[in-house]
Protein backbone atom coordinates (compact mmCIF):
# COMPACT_ATOMS: atom_id res chain seq x y z
CA MET A 1 -0.93 41.18 -21.44
CA ARG A 2 -2.86 38.98 -23.88
CA THR A 3 0.28 37.07 -24.84
CA ARG A 4 0.95 36.30 -21.18
CA ALA A 5 -2.61 35.04 -20.69
CA ARG A 6 -2.30 32.86 -23.80
CA SER A 7 1.01 31.50 -22.57
CA VAL A 8 -0.48 30.63 -19.19
CA ALA A 9 -3.48 28.99 -20.86
CA ALA A 10 -1.24 26.98 -23.18
CA LEU A 11 0.91 25.90 -20.24
CA LEU A 12 -2.18 24.88 -18.29
CA VAL A 13 -3.42 22.75 -21.21
CA LEU A 14 0.03 21.19 -21.59
CA VAL A 15 0.20 20.30 -17.90
CA ALA A 16 -3.34 18.85 -17.95
CA VAL A 17 -2.47 16.69 -20.97
CA GLY A 18 0.73 15.55 -19.25
CA VAL A 19 -1.12 14.60 -16.09
CA TRP A 20 -3.74 12.62 -18.01
CA LEU A 21 -1.06 10.84 -20.02
CA THR A 22 0.66 9.91 -16.79
CA VAL A 23 -2.60 8.51 -15.38
CA LEU A 24 -3.38 6.53 -18.52
CA VAL A 25 0.13 5.09 -18.88
CA GLY A 26 0.21 4.16 -15.20
CA THR A 27 -3.22 2.54 -15.36
CA TYR A 28 -2.94 0.64 -18.62
CA VAL A 29 0.81 0.13 -19.17
CA SER A 30 2.60 -0.02 -15.81
CA PHE A 31 -0.01 -1.36 -13.40
CA PRO A 32 -1.21 -4.58 -15.14
CA PRO A 33 2.26 -6.19 -15.29
CA TYR A 34 2.83 -5.24 -11.64
CA ARG A 35 -0.38 -7.00 -10.60
CA ALA A 36 0.21 -10.14 -12.73
CA ALA A 37 0.11 -13.31 -10.67
CA PRO A 38 2.77 -15.98 -11.28
CA ALA A 39 1.65 -19.43 -12.41
CA GLU A 40 1.86 -22.35 -9.99
CA GLY A 41 5.39 -23.64 -9.58
CA VAL A 42 7.20 -20.54 -10.86
CA THR A 43 10.36 -20.00 -8.83
CA ASP A 44 11.84 -16.97 -10.61
CA LEU A 45 9.63 -14.09 -9.50
CA ARG A 46 11.59 -11.30 -11.24
CA PRO A 47 8.95 -10.91 -14.00
CA TYR A 48 6.27 -10.53 -11.27
CA PRO A 49 7.18 -7.45 -9.18
CA LYS A 50 4.32 -7.62 -6.67
CA ALA A 51 4.92 -11.32 -5.94
CA LEU A 52 8.65 -10.65 -5.66
CA ILE A 53 8.12 -7.84 -3.16
CA GLN A 54 5.71 -9.93 -1.09
CA SER A 55 8.01 -12.97 -1.11
CA GLN A 56 10.83 -11.16 0.69
CA PRO A 57 10.26 -10.53 4.42
CA GLU A 58 12.11 -7.20 4.43
CA SER A 59 9.81 -5.72 1.77
CA ALA A 60 6.52 -7.62 2.29
CA TRP A 61 5.04 -4.69 4.22
CA LEU A 62 5.29 -2.25 1.29
CA PRO A 63 2.06 -3.18 -0.58
CA SER A 64 -0.02 -2.98 2.60
CA LEU A 65 1.48 0.41 3.44
CA ALA A 66 0.57 1.69 -0.01
CA MET A 67 -3.01 0.46 0.32
CA GLU A 68 -3.37 1.85 3.85
CA THR A 69 -2.29 5.32 2.75
CA LYS A 70 -4.14 5.37 -0.58
CA ALA A 71 -7.69 5.17 0.79
CA PRO A 72 -7.45 7.90 3.46
CA THR A 73 -5.62 10.19 1.03
CA ALA A 74 -8.34 9.77 -1.58
CA GLN A 75 -11.06 10.36 1.01
CA SER A 76 -9.40 13.50 2.32
CA LEU A 77 -9.11 14.90 -1.21
CA SER A 78 -12.67 13.94 -2.14
CA PRO A 79 -15.07 16.83 -2.83
CA CYS A 80 -17.64 14.96 -0.74
CA PRO A 81 -16.04 13.74 2.49
CA ARG A 82 -17.84 10.95 4.32
CA ARG A 83 -19.36 11.93 7.64
CA SER A 84 -21.22 10.18 10.43
CA GLY A 85 -21.03 6.68 8.99
CA ALA A 86 -22.42 7.64 5.58
CA THR A 87 -21.63 5.19 2.80
CA THR A 88 -22.38 7.49 -0.13
CA CYS A 89 -21.87 11.14 -0.95
CA HIS A 90 -25.66 11.67 -0.96
CA GLU A 91 -26.01 10.19 2.55
CA SER A 92 -23.17 12.40 3.74
CA GLN A 93 -24.86 15.50 2.33
CA SER A 94 -28.19 14.48 3.90
CA ALA A 95 -26.52 14.04 7.29
CA ARG A 96 -24.86 17.43 6.94
CA ALA A 97 -28.19 19.11 6.05
CA THR A 98 -29.95 17.43 8.97
CA SER A 99 -27.27 18.46 11.45
CA SER A 100 -27.34 22.07 10.22
CA LYS A 101 -31.16 22.15 10.64
CA LEU A 102 -30.81 20.82 14.17
CA ARG A 103 -28.29 23.54 15.03
CA ALA A 104 -30.54 26.32 13.72
């Protein structure tokens, strides 16, 4: 039984390291070249993926779709969801505490 627990723990560590490597590579290796802005007068946009996507009418909607889905997804997964117009987690918790006192 101990060997199984050690195997599960080792697998968990391996997966966590893999996830963090994915985040770091995406943030510092893949994302900056994607966001690079072309210089004035550049006509070949192949080295600039975001500008290339936005320059073509059939794919120009893709970046806005990604941004529209990213924010609500992050908010729904947040450990402190925003409620009643709160702008911070603390305000949201205060509003929740006040509403629970009013119900009691």
